[in-house]
Amino acid sequence: MDRIQQAAERSVARATGFACLAIAVLAAGLSAEPGLALRTAALAALLLWAGLRLSALRAPSRPYRRTEVWMMLEPRPLMPPEVLQRLIGEAIRQACDRYAAFALGGAFLLWLAGMVLGGLAG
């Protein structure tokens, strides 16, 4: 079970990391207007939160053989399919929920910083 949780953590962390990279590039493109850049990054982080929450909600019913977690597990666990479905779905759900909380906190901080900088500049 520990290997399944580690694989789910790596899978969700990798996807979230790439999304954060895209958000950083978007904000860098708007760096001429710091307040706007931060508020736009906050909105993008909020969209990331929504995507992670949706993934968390869908994880338990998504076929485990179609997940990145299943592909990462070598050697394959020798368990009944129903047990694997439950364990992998739950591990992905927990990882998505954890990173969704980080994304929501980041969105709030970015929005707050954008409001402060926007107020100072204007």
PDB file of N, CA and C in Angstrom:
ATOM      1  N   MET A   1       0.811  -1.200   0.000  1.00  0.00           N
ATOM      2  CA  MET A   1       0.000   0.000   0.000  1.00  0.00           C
ATOM      3  C   MET A   1       0.848   1.254   0.000  1.00  0.00           C
ATOM      4  N   ASP A   2       1.956   1.216   0.687  1.00  0.00           N
ATOM      5  CA  ASP A   2       2.826   2.379   0.751  1.00  0.00           C
ATOM      6  C   ASP A   2       3.346   2.752  -0.638  1.00  0.00           C
ATOM      7  N   ARG A   3       3.662   1.752  -1.445  1.00  0.00           N
ATOM      8  CA  ARG A   3       4.135   2.020  -2.816  1.00  0.00           C
ATOM      9  C   ARG A   3       3.051   2.696  -3.641  1.00  0.00           C
ATOM     10  N   ILE A   4       1.806   2.317  -3.436  1.00  0.00           N
ATOM     11  CA  ILE A   4       0.692   2.922  -4.166  1.00  0.00           C
ATOM     12  C   ILE A   4       0.562   4.388  -3.776  1.00  0.00           C
ATOM     13  N   GLN A   5       0.653   4.689  -2.493  1.00  0.00           N
ATOM     14  CA  GLN A   5       0.552   6.077  -2.038  1.00  0.00           C
ATOM     15  C   GLN A   5       1.713   6.918  -2.561  1.00  0.00           C
ATOM     16  N   GLN A   6       2.908   6.353  -2.572  1.00  0.00           N
ATOM     17  CA  GLN A   6       4.065   7.084  -3.100  1.00  0.00           C
ATOM     18  C   GLN A   6       3.905   7.351  -4.591  1.00  0.00           C
ATOM     19  N   ALA A   7       3.414   6.374  -5.333  1.00  0.00           N
ATOM     20  CA  ALA A   7       3.209   6.560  -6.772  1.00  0.00           C
ATOM     21  C   ALA A   7       2.138   7.615  -7.028  1.00  0.00           C
ATOM     22  N   ALA A   8       1.062   7.600  -6.245  1.00  0.00           N
ATOM     23  CA  ALA A   8       0.008   8.607  -6.399  1.00  0.00           C
ATOM     24  C   ALA A   8       0.547   9.996  -6.077  1.00  0.00           C
ATOM     25  N   GLU A   9       1.346  10.083  -5.035  1.00  0.00           N
ATOM     26  CA  GLU A   9       1.953  11.370  -4.661  1.00  0.00           C
ATOM     27  C   GLU A   9       2.837  11.900  -5.790  1.00  0.00           C
ATOM     28  N   ARG A  10       3.683  11.039  -6.344  1.00  0.00           N
ATOM     29  CA  ARG A  10       4.564  11.463  -7.445  1.00  0.00           C
ATOM     30  C   ARG A  10       3.756  11.886  -8.667  1.00  0.00           C
ATOM     31  N   SER A  11       2.727  11.140  -8.987  1.00  0.00           N
ATOM     32  CA  SER A  11       1.914  11.434 -10.162  1.00  0.00           C
ATOM     33  C   SER A  11       1.225  12.793 -10.042  1.00  0.00           C
ATOM     34  N   VAL A  12       0.567  13.021  -8.918  1.00  0.00           N
ATOM     35  CA  VAL A  12      -0.152  14.284  -8.718  1.00  0.00           C
ATOM     36  C   VAL A  12       0.828  15.443  -8.555  1.00  0.00           C
ATOM     37  N   ALA A  13       1.941  15.217  -7.871  1.00  0.00           N
ATOM     38  CA  ALA A  13       2.946  16.273  -7.698  1.00  0.00           C
ATOM     39  C   ALA A  13       3.529  16.694  -9.041  1.00  0.00           C
ATOM     40  N   ARG A  14       3.785  15.737  -9.903  1.00  0.00           N
ATOM     41  CA  ARG A  14       4.340  16.054 -11.220  1.00  0.00           C
ATOM     42  C   ARG A  14       3.351  16.895 -12.034  1.00  0.00           C
ATOM     43  N   ALA A  15       2.102  16.474 -12.072  1.00  0.00           N
ATOM     44  CA  ALA A  15       1.091  17.217 -12.827  1.00  0.00           C
ATOM     45  C   ALA A  15       0.896  18.620 -12.255  1.00  0.00           C
ATOM     46  N   THR A  16       0.852  18.718 -10.932  1.00  0.00           N
ATOM     47  CA  THR A  16       0.679  20.018 -10.288  1.00  0.00           C
ATOM     48  C   THR A  16       1.894  20.911 -10.527  1.00  0.00           C
ATOM     49  N   GLY A  17       3.066  20.331 -10.516  1.00  0.00           N
ATOM     50  CA  GLY A  17       4.286  21.096 -10.778  1.00  0.00           C
ATOM     51  C   GLY A  17       4.292  21.706 -12.170  1.00  0.00           C
ATOM     52  N   PHE A  18       3.865  20.929 -13.158  1.00  0.00           N
ATOM     53  CA  PHE A  18       3.803  21.467 -14.518  1.00  0.00           C
ATOM     54  C   PHE A  18       2.755  22.576 -14.622  1.00  0.00           C
ATOM     55  N   ALA A  19       1.636  22.414 -13.931  1.00  0.00           N
ATOM     56  CA  ALA A  19       0.620  23.465 -13.932  1.00  0.00           C
ATOM     57  C   ALA A  19       1.154  24.734 -13.265  1.00  0.00           C
ATOM     58  N   CYS A  20       1.900  24.581 -12.187  1.00  0.00           N
ATOM     59  CA  CYS A  20       2.497  25.746 -11.512  1.00  0.00           C
ATOM     60  C   CYS A  20       3.526  26.431 -12.401  1.00  0.00           C
ATOM     61  N   LEU A  21       4.259  25.648 -13.160  1.00  0.00           N
ATOM     62  CA  LEU A  21       5.212  26.228 -14.112  1.00  0.00           C
ATOM     63  C   LEU A  21       4.471  27.067 -15.152  1.00  0.00           C
ATOM     64  N   ALA A  22       3.354  26.564 -15.647  1.00  0.00           N
ATOM     65  CA  ALA A  22       2.557  27.321 -16.618  1.00  0.00           C
ATOM     66  C   ALA A  22       2.023  28.612 -15.994  1.00  0.00           C
ATOM     67  N   ILE A  23       1.598  28.552 -14.750  1.00  0.00           N
ATOM     68  CA  ILE A  23       1.106  29.744 -14.055  1.00  0.00           C
ATOM     69  C   ILE A  23       2.231  30.761 -13.890  1.00  0.00           C
ATOM     70  N   ALA A  24       3.423  30.296 -13.545  1.00  0.00           N
ATOM     71  CA  ALA A  24       4.570  31.201 -13.384  1.00  0.00           C
ATOM     72  C   ALA A  24       4.931  31.864 -14.706  1.00  0.00           C
ATOM     73  N   VAL A  25       4.884  31.114 -15.794  1.00  0.00           N
ATOM     74  CA  VAL A  25       5.188  31.685 -17.112  1.00  0.00           C
ATOM     75  C   VAL A  25       4.128  32.719 -17.487  1.00  0.00           C
ATOM     76  N   LEU A  26       2.871  32.422 -17.197  1.00  0.00           N
ATOM     77  CA  LEU A  26       1.793  33.375 -17.462  1.00  0.00           C
ATOM     78  C   LEU A  26       2.016  34.668 -16.676  1.00  0.00           C
ATOM     79  N   ALA A  27       2.341  34.537 -15.404  1.00  0.00           N
ATOM     80  CA  ALA A  27       2.580  35.723 -14.568  1.00  0.00           C
ATOM     81  C   ALA A  27       3.808  36.490 -15.047  1.00  0.00           C
ATOM     82  N   ALA A  28       4.844  35.780 -15.464  1.00  0.00           N
ATOM     83  CA  ALA A  28       6.051  36.451 -15.968  1.00  0.00           C
ATOM     84  C   ALA A  28       5.740  37.237 -17.235  1.00  0.00           C
ATOM     85  N   GLY A  29       4.849  36.718 -18.047  1.00  0.00           N
ATOM     86  CA  GLY A  29       4.464  37.430 -19.264  1.00  0.00           C
ATOM     87  C   GLY A  29       3.727  38.727 -18.973  1.00  0.00           C
ATOM     88  N   LEU A  30       3.113  38.812 -17.815  1.00  0.00           N
ATOM     89  CA  LEU A  30       2.381  40.018 -17.421  1.00  0.00           C
ATOM     90  C   LEU A  30       3.159  40.862 -16.412  1.00  0.00           C
ATOM     91  N   SER A  31       4.447  40.640 -16.302  1.00  0.00           N
ATOM     92  CA  SER A  31       5.242  41.283 -15.250  1.00  0.00           C
ATOM     93  C   SER A  31       5.337  42.802 -15.381  1.00  0.00           C
ATOM     94  N   ALA A  32       4.974  43.352 -16.515  1.00  0.00           N
ATOM     95  CA  ALA A  32       4.970  44.811 -16.644  1.00  0.00           C
ATOM     96  C   ALA A  32       3.906  45.432 -15.736  1.00  0.00           C
ATOM     97  N   GLU A  33       2.885  44.663 -15.420  1.00  0.00           N
ATOM     98  CA  GLU A  33       1.815  45.084 -14.510  1.00  0.00           C
ATOM     99  C   GLU A  33       1.780  44.105 -13.335  1.00  0.00           C
ATOM    100  N   PRO A  34       2.574  44.324 -12.283  1.00  0.00           N
ATOM    101  CA  PRO A  34       2.685  43.336 -11.202  1.00  0.00           C
ATOM    102  C   PRO A  34       1.359  42.967 -10.535  1.00  0.00           C
ATOM    103  N   GLY A  35       0.514  43.935 -10.293  1.00  0.00           N
ATOM    104  CA  GLY A  35      -0.780  43.641  -9.668  1.00  0.00           C
ATOM    105  C   GLY A  35      -1.625  42.732 -10.538  1.00  0.00           C
ATOM    106  N   LEU A  36      -1.671  43.045 -11.825  1.00  0.00           N
ATOM    107  CA  LEU A  36      -2.421  42.223 -12.774  1.00  0.00           C
ATOM    108  C   LEU A  36      -1.812  40.828 -12.885  1.00  0.00           C
ATOM    109  N   ALA A  37      -0.488  40.762 -12.908  1.00  0.00           N
ATOM    110  CA  ALA A  37       0.188  39.465 -13.007  1.00  0.00           C
ATOM    111  C   ALA A  37      -0.169  38.578 -11.820  1.00  0.00           C
ATOM    112  N   LEU A  38      -0.163  39.143 -10.625  1.00  0.00           N
ATOM    113  CA  LEU A  38      -0.471  38.358  -9.427  1.00  0.00           C
ATOM    114  C   LEU A  38      -1.942  37.953  -9.377  1.00  0.00           C
ATOM    115  N   ARG A  39      -2.839  38.858  -9.751  1.00  0.00           N
ATOM    116  CA  ARG A  39      -4.263  38.507  -9.753  1.00  0.00           C
ATOM    117  C   ARG A  39      -4.573  37.460 -10.817  1.00  0.00           C
ATOM    118  N   THR A  40      -3.901  37.543 -11.969  1.00  0.00           N
ATOM    119  CA  THR A  40      -4.084  36.536 -13.015  1.00  0.00           C
ATOM    120  C   THR A  40      -3.546  35.186 -12.554  1.00  0.00           C
ATOM    121  N   ALA A  41      -2.404  35.192 -11.896  1.00  0.00           N
ATOM    122  CA  ALA A  41      -1.848  33.950 -11.353  1.00  0.00           C
ATOM    123  C   ALA A  41      -2.782  33.374 -10.290  1.00  0.00           C
ATOM    124  N   ALA A  42      -3.415  34.240  -9.502  1.00  0.00           N
ATOM    125  CA  ALA A  42      -4.371  33.775  -8.494  1.00  0.00           C
ATOM    126  C   ALA A  42      -5.559  33.091  -9.156  1.00  0.00           C
ATOM    127  N   LEU A  43      -6.057  33.669 -10.230  1.00  0.00           N
ATOM    128  CA  LEU A  43      -7.169  33.060 -10.959  1.00  0.00           C
ATOM    129  C   LEU A  43      -6.752  31.713 -11.549  1.00  0.00           C
ATOM    130  N   ALA A  44      -5.559  31.655 -12.104  1.00  0.00           N
ATOM    131  CA  ALA A  44      -5.062  30.393 -12.661  1.00  0.00           C
ATOM    132  C   ALA A  44      -4.887  29.347 -11.562  1.00  0.00           C
ATOM    133  N   ALA A  45      -4.419  29.760 -10.390  1.00  0.00           N
ATOM    134  CA  ALA A  45      -4.274  28.828  -9.264  1.00  0.00           C
ATOM    135  C   ALA A  45      -5.641  28.349  -8.786  1.00  0.00           C
ATOM    136  N   LEU A  46      -6.632  29.217  -8.863  1.00  0.00           N
ATOM    137  CA  LEU A  46      -7.989  28.814  -8.508  1.00  0.00           C
ATOM    138  C   LEU A  46      -8.523  27.783  -9.506  1.00  0.00           C
ATOM    139  N   LEU A  47      -8.204  27.962 -10.778  1.00  0.00           N
ATOM    140  CA  LEU A  47      -8.575  26.956 -11.786  1.00  0.00           C
ATOM    141  C   LEU A  47      -7.853  25.637 -11.528  1.00  0.00           C
ATOM    142  N   LEU A  48      -6.601  25.713 -11.105  1.00  0.00           N
ATOM    143  CA  LEU A  48      -5.854  24.506 -10.740  1.00  0.00           C
ATOM    144  C   LEU A  48      -6.537  23.807  -9.571  1.00  0.00           C
ATOM    145  N   TRP A  49      -6.960  24.572  -8.565  1.00  0.00           N
ATOM    146  CA  TRP A  49      -7.682  24.000  -7.429  1.00  0.00           C
ATOM    147  C   TRP A  49      -8.937  23.267  -7.909  1.00  0.00           C
ATOM    148  N   ALA A  50      -9.700  23.911  -8.805  1.00  0.00           N
ATOM    149  CA  ALA A  50     -10.929  23.290  -9.306  1.00  0.00           C
ATOM    150  C   ALA A  50     -10.626  21.991 -10.053  1.00  0.00           C
ATOM    151  N   GLY A  51      -9.578  22.003 -10.855  1.00  0.00           N
ATOM    152  CA  GLY A  51      -9.197  20.794 -11.580  1.00  0.00           C
ATOM    153  C   GLY A  51      -8.764  19.673 -10.654  1.00  0.00           C
ATOM    154  N   LEU A  52      -8.024  20.011  -9.619  1.00  0.00           N
ATOM    155  CA  LEU A  52      -7.595  19.000  -8.650  1.00  0.00           C
ATOM    156  C   LEU A  52      -8.775  18.455  -7.851  1.00  0.00           C
ATOM    157  N   ARG A  53      -9.709  19.319  -7.488  1.00  0.00           N
ATOM    158  CA  ARG A  53     -10.901  18.847  -6.766  1.00  0.00           C
ATOM    159  C   ARG A  53     -11.730  17.919  -7.648  1.00  0.00           C
ATOM    160  N   LEU A  54     -11.876  18.281  -8.925  1.00  0.00           N
ATOM    161  CA  LEU A  54     -12.617  17.423  -9.853  1.00  0.00           C
ATOM    162  C   LEU A  54     -11.923  16.071 -10.000  1.00  0.00           C
ATOM    163  N   SER A  55     -10.612  16.091 -10.113  1.00  0.00           N
ATOM    164  CA  SER A  55      -9.850  14.840 -10.204  1.00  0.00           C
ATOM    165  C   SER A  55     -10.011  14.009  -8.938  1.00  0.00           C
ATOM    166  N   ALA A  56     -10.024  14.670  -7.791  1.00  0.00           N
ATOM    167  CA  ALA A  56     -10.201  13.953  -6.525  1.00  0.00           C
ATOM    168  C   ALA A  56     -11.576  13.296  -6.458  1.00  0.00           C
ATOM    169  N   LEU A  57     -12.583  13.999  -6.935  1.00  0.00           N
ATOM    170  CA  LEU A  57     -13.935  13.439  -6.909  1.00  0.00           C
ATOM    171  C   LEU A  57     -14.088  12.260  -7.864  1.00  0.00           C
ATOM    172  N   ARG A  58     -13.400  12.318  -8.988  1.00  0.00           N
ATOM    173  CA  ARG A  58     -13.512  11.263  -9.994  1.00  0.00           C
ATOM    174  C   ARG A  58     -12.573  10.086  -9.743  1.00  0.00           C
ATOM    175  N   ALA A  59     -11.560  10.267  -8.920  1.00  0.00           N
ATOM    176  CA  ALA A  59     -10.521   9.242  -8.737  1.00  0.00           C
ATOM    177  C   ALA A  59     -11.051   7.875  -8.302  1.00  0.00           C
ATOM    178  N   PRO A  60     -11.952   7.793  -7.329  1.00  0.00           N
ATOM    179  CA  PRO A  60     -12.389   6.458  -6.896  1.00  0.00           C
ATOM    180  C   PRO A  60     -13.082   5.640  -7.985  1.00  0.00           C
ATOM    181  N   SER A  61     -13.722   6.302  -8.945  1.00  0.00           N
ATOM    182  CA  SER A  61     -14.444   5.560  -9.986  1.00  0.00           C
ATOM    183  C   SER A  61     -13.661   5.433 -11.295  1.00  0.00           C
ATOM    184  N   ARG A  62     -12.526   6.094 -11.392  1.00  0.00           N
ATOM    185  CA  ARG A  62     -11.715   5.987 -12.611  1.00  0.00           C
ATOM    186  C   ARG A  62     -11.035   4.615 -12.647  1.00  0.00           C
ATOM    187  N   PRO A  63     -11.115   3.896 -13.773  1.00  0.00           N
ATOM    188  CA  PRO A  63     -10.494   2.561 -13.838  1.00  0.00           C
ATOM    189  C   PRO A  63      -9.002   2.623 -13.506  1.00  0.00           C
ATOM    190  N   TYR A  64      -8.588   1.852 -12.515  1.00  0.00           N
ATOM    191  CA  TYR A  64      -7.210   1.940 -12.020  1.00  0.00           C
ATOM    192  C   TYR A  64      -6.183   1.577 -13.076  1.00  0.00           C
ATOM    193  N   ARG A  65      -6.541   0.726 -14.031  1.00  0.00           N
ATOM    194  CA  ARG A  65      -5.586   0.328 -15.073  1.00  0.00           C
ATOM    195  C   ARG A  65      -5.304   1.458 -16.070  1.00  0.00           C
ATOM    196  N   ARG A  66      -6.099   2.512 -16.019  1.00  0.00           N
ATOM    197  CA  ARG A  66      -5.894   3.664 -16.907  1.00  0.00           C
ATOM    198  C   ARG A  66      -5.227   4.836 -16.196  1.00  0.00           C
ATOM    199  N   THR A  67      -4.634   4.583 -15.059  1.00  0.00           N
ATOM    200  CA  THR A  67      -3.995   5.660 -14.300  1.00  0.00           C
ATOM    201  C   THR A  67      -2.480   5.586 -14.433  1.00  0.00           C
ATOM    202  N   GLU A  68      -1.856   6.734 -14.252  1.00  0.00           N
ATOM    203  CA  GLU A  68      -0.395   6.784 -14.251  1.00  0.00           C
ATOM    204  C   GLU A  68       0.164   6.003 -13.061  1.00  0.00           C
ATOM    205  N   VAL A  69      -0.580   5.988 -11.980  1.00  0.00           N
ATOM    206  CA  VAL A  69      -0.141   5.259 -10.787  1.00  0.00           C
ATOM    207  C   VAL A  69       0.045   3.780 -11.116  1.00  0.00           C
ATOM    208  N   TRP A  70      -0.895   3.189 -11.820  1.00  0.00           N
ATOM    209  CA  TRP A  70      -0.800   1.776 -12.190  1.00  0.00           C
ATOM    210  C   TRP A  70       0.435   1.528 -13.051  1.00  0.00           C
ATOM    211  N   MET A  71       0.704   2.441 -13.977  1.00  0.00           N
ATOM    212  CA  MET A  71       1.872   2.279 -14.851  1.00  0.00           C
ATOM    213  C   MET A  71       3.180   2.395 -14.070  1.00  0.00           C
ATOM    214  N   MET A  72       3.168   3.146 -12.977  1.00  0.00           N
ATOM    215  CA  MET A  72       4.379   3.342 -12.182  1.00  0.00           C
ATOM    216  C   MET A  72       4.674   2.153 -11.265  1.00  0.00           C
ATOM    217  N   LEU A  73       3.699   1.320 -11.025  1.00  0.00           N
ATOM    218  CA  LEU A  73       3.862   0.210 -10.078  1.00  0.00           C
ATOM    219  C   LEU A  73       4.506  -0.994 -10.755  1.00  0.00           C
ATOM    220  N   GLU A  74       5.770  -1.157 -10.540  1.00  0.00           N
ATOM    221  CA  GLU A  74       6.512  -2.333 -11.013  1.00  0.00           C
ATOM    222  C   GLU A  74       7.303  -2.888  -9.848  1.00  0.00           C
ATOM    223  N   PRO A  75       7.182  -4.114  -9.487  1.00  0.00           N
ATOM    224  CA  PRO A  75       6.255  -5.120 -10.007  1.00  0.00           C
ATOM    225  C   PRO A  75       4.821  -4.813  -9.576  1.00  0.00           C
ATOM    226  N   ARG A  76       3.886  -5.305 -10.356  1.00  0.00           N
ATOM    227  CA  ARG A  76       2.470  -5.067 -10.084  1.00  0.00           C
ATOM    228  C   ARG A  76       2.050  -5.756  -8.779  1.00  0.00           C
ATOM    229  N   PRO A  77       1.231  -5.070  -7.981  1.00  0.00           N
ATOM    230  CA  PRO A  77       0.730  -5.702  -6.752  1.00  0.00           C
ATOM    231  C   PRO A  77      -0.177  -6.889  -7.089  1.00  0.00           C
ATOM    232  N   LEU A  78      -0.065  -7.932  -6.322  1.00  0.00           N
ATOM    233  CA  LEU A  78      -0.881  -9.127  -6.532  1.00  0.00           C
ATOM    234  C   LEU A  78      -2.089  -9.073  -5.601  1.00  0.00           C
ATOM    235  N   MET A  79      -3.091  -8.317  -6.014  1.00  0.00           N
ATOM    236  CA  MET A  79      -4.313  -8.161  -5.230  1.00  0.00           C
ATOM    237  C   MET A  79      -5.502  -8.290  -6.169  1.00  0.00           C
ATOM    238  N   PRO A  80      -6.672  -8.578  -5.619  1.00  0.00           N
ATOM    239  CA  PRO A  80      -7.872  -8.621  -6.459  1.00  0.00           C
ATOM    240  C   PRO A  80      -8.149  -7.241  -7.071  1.00  0.00           C
ATOM    241  N   PRO A  81      -8.739  -7.211  -8.267  1.00  0.00           N
ATOM    242  CA  PRO A  81      -9.015  -5.926  -8.932  1.00  0.00           C
ATOM    243  C   PRO A  81      -9.847  -4.955  -8.089  1.00  0.00           C
ATOM    244  N   GLU A  82     -10.798  -5.474  -7.318  1.00  0.00           N
ATOM    245  CA  GLU A  82     -11.644  -4.587  -6.497  1.00  0.00           C
ATOM    246  C   GLU A  82     -10.809  -3.877  -5.431  1.00  0.00           C
ATOM    247  N   VAL A  83      -9.866  -4.599  -4.866  1.00  0.00           N
ATOM    248  CA  VAL A  83      -8.998  -4.017  -3.834  1.00  0.00           C
ATOM    249  C   VAL A  83      -8.070  -2.983  -4.462  1.00  0.00           C
ATOM    250  N   LEU A  84      -7.497  -3.317  -5.609  1.00  0.00           N
ATOM    251  CA  LEU A  84      -6.616  -2.366  -6.305  1.00  0.00           C
ATOM    252  C   LEU A  84      -7.379  -1.106  -6.691  1.00  0.00           C
ATOM    253  N   GLN A  85      -8.617  -1.262  -7.170  1.00  0.00           N
ATOM    254  CA  GLN A  85      -9.431  -0.105  -7.542  1.00  0.00           C
ATOM    255  C   GLN A  85      -9.625   0.808  -6.337  1.00  0.00           C
ATOM    256  N   ARG A  86      -9.950   0.214  -5.206  1.00  0.00           N
ATOM    257  CA  ARG A  86     -10.193   1.004  -3.998  1.00  0.00           C
ATOM    258  C   ARG A  86      -8.916   1.679  -3.505  1.00  0.00           C
ATOM    259  N   LEU A  87      -7.808   0.935  -3.456  1.00  0.00           N
ATOM    260  CA  LEU A  87      -6.551   1.483  -2.932  1.00  0.00           C
ATOM    261  C   LEU A  87      -5.987   2.579  -3.834  1.00  0.00           C
ATOM    262  N   ILE A  88      -5.950   2.326  -5.133  1.00  0.00           N
ATOM    263  CA  ILE A  88      -5.389   3.316  -6.061  1.00  0.00           C
ATOM    264  C   ILE A  88      -6.289   4.542  -6.140  1.00  0.00           C
ATOM    265  N   GLY A  89      -7.603   4.327  -6.227  1.00  0.00           N
ATOM    266  CA  GLY A  89      -8.533   5.459  -6.269  1.00  0.00           C
ATOM    267  C   GLY A  89      -8.434   6.332  -5.035  1.00  0.00           C
ATOM    268  N   GLU A  90      -8.333   5.695  -3.883  1.00  0.00           N
ATOM    269  CA  GLU A  90      -8.234   6.450  -2.625  1.00  0.00           C
ATOM    270  C   GLU A  90      -6.898   7.183  -2.518  1.00  0.00           C
ATOM    271  N   ALA A  91      -5.822   6.558  -2.946  1.00  0.00           N
ATOM    272  CA  ALA A  91      -4.506   7.211  -2.896  1.00  0.00           C
ATOM    273  C   ALA A  91      -4.478   8.438  -3.804  1.00  0.00           C
ATOM    274  N   ILE A  92      -5.043   8.316  -4.995  1.00  0.00           N
ATOM    275  CA  ILE A  92      -5.092   9.463  -5.915  1.00  0.00           C
ATOM    276  C   ILE A  92      -5.985  10.553  -5.339  1.00  0.00           C
ATOM    277  N   ARG A  93      -7.125  10.168  -4.766  1.00  0.00           N
ATOM    278  CA  ARG A  93      -8.037  11.152  -4.182  1.00  0.00           C
ATOM    279  C   ARG A  93      -7.356  11.938  -3.063  1.00  0.00           C
ATOM    280  N   GLN A  94      -6.647  11.247  -2.188  1.00  0.00           N
ATOM    281  CA  GLN A  94      -5.959  11.921  -1.084  1.00  0.00           C
ATOM    282  C   GLN A  94      -4.872  12.868  -1.592  1.00  0.00           C
ATOM    283  N   ALA A  95      -4.108  12.428  -2.575  1.00  0.00           N
ATOM    284  CA  ALA A  95      -3.043  13.281  -3.118  1.00  0.00           C
ATOM    285  C   ALA A  95      -3.639  14.511  -3.801  1.00  0.00           C
ATOM    286  N   CYS A  96      -4.703  14.322  -4.570  1.00  0.00           N
ATOM    287  CA  CYS A  96      -5.344  15.462  -5.236  1.00  0.00           C
ATOM    288  C   CYS A  96      -5.907  16.442  -4.217  1.00  0.00           C
ATOM    289  N   ASP A  97      -6.529  15.924  -3.171  1.00  0.00           N
ATOM    290  CA  ASP A  97      -7.064  16.808  -2.129  1.00  0.00           C
ATOM    291  C   ASP A  97      -5.957  17.610  -1.450  1.00  0.00           C
ATOM    292  N   ARG A  98      -4.835  16.959  -1.180  1.00  0.00           N
ATOM    293  CA  ARG A  98      -3.714  17.646  -0.520  1.00  0.00           C
ATOM    294  C   ARG A  98      -3.185  18.779  -1.407  1.00  0.00           C
ATOM    295  N   TYR A  99      -2.950  18.497  -2.679  1.00  0.00           N
ATOM    296  CA  TYR A  99      -2.430  19.529  -3.571  1.00  0.00           C
ATOM    297  C   TYR A  99      -3.485  20.584  -3.898  1.00  0.00           C
ATOM    298  N   ALA A 100      -4.753  20.215  -3.868  1.00  0.00           N
ATOM    299  CA  ALA A 100      -5.816  21.204  -4.062  1.00  0.00           C
ATOM    300  C   ALA A 100      -5.806  22.221  -2.921  1.00  0.00           C
ATOM    301  N   ALA A 101      -5.564  21.751  -1.709  1.00  0.00           N
ATOM    302  CA  ALA A 101      -5.486  22.670  -0.567  1.00  0.00           C
ATOM    303  C   ALA A 101      -4.312  23.635  -0.733  1.00  0.00           C
ATOM    304  N   PHE A 102      -3.185  23.126  -1.204  1.00  0.00           N
ATOM    305  CA  PHE A 102      -2.032  24.005  -1.462  1.00  0.00           C
ATOM    306  C   PHE A 102      -2.371  25.035  -2.541  1.00  0.00           C
ATOM    307  N   ALA A 103      -3.045  24.597  -3.602  1.00  0.00           N
ATOM    308  CA  ALA A 103      -3.399  25.501  -4.701  1.00  0.00           C
ATOM    309  C   ALA A 103      -4.355  26.587  -4.219  1.00  0.00           C
ATOM    310  N   LEU A 104      -5.313  26.215  -3.377  1.00  0.00           N
ATOM    311  CA  LEU A 104      -6.261  27.202  -2.865  1.00  0.00           C
ATOM    312  C   LEU A 104      -5.557  28.220  -1.968  1.00  0.00           C
ATOM    313  N   GLY A 105      -4.663  27.749  -1.110  1.00  0.00           N
ATOM    314  CA  GLY A 105      -3.888  28.670  -0.273  1.00  0.00           C
ATOM    315  C   GLY A 105      -3.013  29.588  -1.105  1.00  0.00           C
ATOM    316  N   GLY A 106      -2.378  29.035  -2.122  1.00  0.00           N
ATOM    317  CA  GLY A 106      -1.553  29.842  -3.023  1.00  0.00           C
ATOM    318  C   GLY A 106      -2.376  30.868  -3.776  1.00  0.00           C
ATOM    319  N   ALA A 107      -3.572  30.476  -4.214  1.00  0.00           N
ATOM    320  CA  ALA A 107      -4.450  31.409  -4.927  1.00  0.00           C
ATOM    321  C   ALA A 107      -4.824  32.581  -4.029  1.00  0.00           C
ATOM    322  N   PHE A 108      -5.133  32.287  -2.778  1.00  0.00           N
ATOM    323  CA  PHE A 108      -5.483  33.355  -1.845  1.00  0.00           C
ATOM    324  C   PHE A 108      -4.314  34.308  -1.624  1.00  0.00           C
ATOM    325  N   LEU A 109      -3.126  33.750  -1.411  1.00  0.00           N
ATOM    326  CA  LEU A 109      -1.948  34.599  -1.185  1.00  0.00           C
ATOM    327  C   LEU A 109      -1.609  35.428  -2.422  1.00  0.00           C
ATOM    328  N   LEU A 110      -1.715  34.831  -3.603  1.00  0.00           N
ATOM    329  CA  LEU A 110      -1.455  35.581  -4.838  1.00  0.00           C
ATOM    330  C   LEU A 110      -2.479  36.698  -5.017  1.00  0.00           C
ATOM    331  N   TRP A 111      -3.742  36.404  -4.752  1.00  0.00           N
ATOM    332  CA  TRP A 111      -4.784  37.411  -4.878  1.00  0.00           C
ATOM    333  C   TRP A 111      -4.542  38.559  -3.897  1.00  0.00           C
ATOM    334  N   LEU A 112      -4.202  38.206  -2.651  1.00  0.00           N
ATOM    335  CA  LEU A 112      -3.934  39.217  -1.632  1.00  0.00           C
ATOM    336  C   LEU A 112      -2.747  40.092  -2.039  1.00  0.00           C
ATOM    337  N   ALA A 113      -1.673  39.469  -2.505  1.00  0.00           N
ATOM    338  CA  ALA A 113      -0.500  40.236  -2.954  1.00  0.00           C
ATOM    339  C   ALA A 113      -0.857  41.110  -4.152  1.00  0.00           C
ATOM    340  N   GLY A 114      -1.685  40.593  -5.052  1.00  0.00           N
ATOM    341  CA  GLY A 114      -2.110  41.383  -6.210  1.00  0.00           C
ATOM    342  C   GLY A 114      -2.936  42.587  -5.809  1.00  0.00           C
ATOM    343  N   MET A 115      -3.779  42.426  -4.802  1.00  0.00           N
ATOM    344  CA  MET A 115      -4.582  43.545  -4.324  1.00  0.00           C
ATOM    345  C   MET A 115      -3.698  44.596  -3.660  1.00  0.00           C
ATOM    346  N   VAL A 116      -2.729  44.145  -2.874  1.00  0.00           N
ATOM    347  CA  VAL A 116      -1.815  45.082  -2.205  1.00  0.00           C
ATOM    348  C   VAL A 116      -0.994  45.835  -3.244  1.00  0.00           C
ATOM    349  N   LEU A 117      -0.392  45.109  -4.184  1.00  0.00           N
ATOM    350  CA  LEU A 117       0.419  45.775  -5.213  1.00  0.00           C
ATOM    351  C   LEU A 117      -0.431  46.636  -6.132  1.00  0.00           C
ATOM    352  N   GLY A 118      -1.619  46.166  -6.452  1.00  0.00           N
ATOM    353  CA  GLY A 118      -2.515  46.962  -7.291  1.00  0.00           C
ATOM    354  C   GLY A 118      -2.925  48.249  -6.597  1.00  0.00           C
ATOM    355  N   GLY A 119      -3.141  48.171  -5.289  1.00  0.00           N
ATOM    356  CA  GLY A 119      -3.504  49.358  -4.517  1.00  0.00           C
ATOM    357  C   GLY A 119      -2.350  50.328  -4.374  1.00  0.00           C
ATOM    358  N   LEU A 120      -1.123  49.807  -4.242  1.00  0.00           N
ATOM    359  CA  LEU A 120       0.046  50.673  -4.119  1.00  0.00           C
ATOM    360  C   LEU A 120       0.375  51.353  -5.441  1.00  0.00           C
ATOM    361  N   ALA A 121       0.167  50.643  -6.533  1.00  0.00           N
ATOM    362  CA  ALA A 121       0.519  51.194  -7.843  1.00  0.00           C
ATOM    363  C   ALA A 121      -0.527  52.195  -8.319  1.00  0.00           C
ATOM    364  N   GLY A 122      -1.782  51.970  -7.938  1.00  0.00           N
ATOM    365  CA  GLY A 122      -2.852  52.817  -8.458  1.00  0.00           C
ATOM    366  C   GLY A 122      -3.252  53.834  -7.517  1.00  0.00           C
TER     367      GLY A 122
END
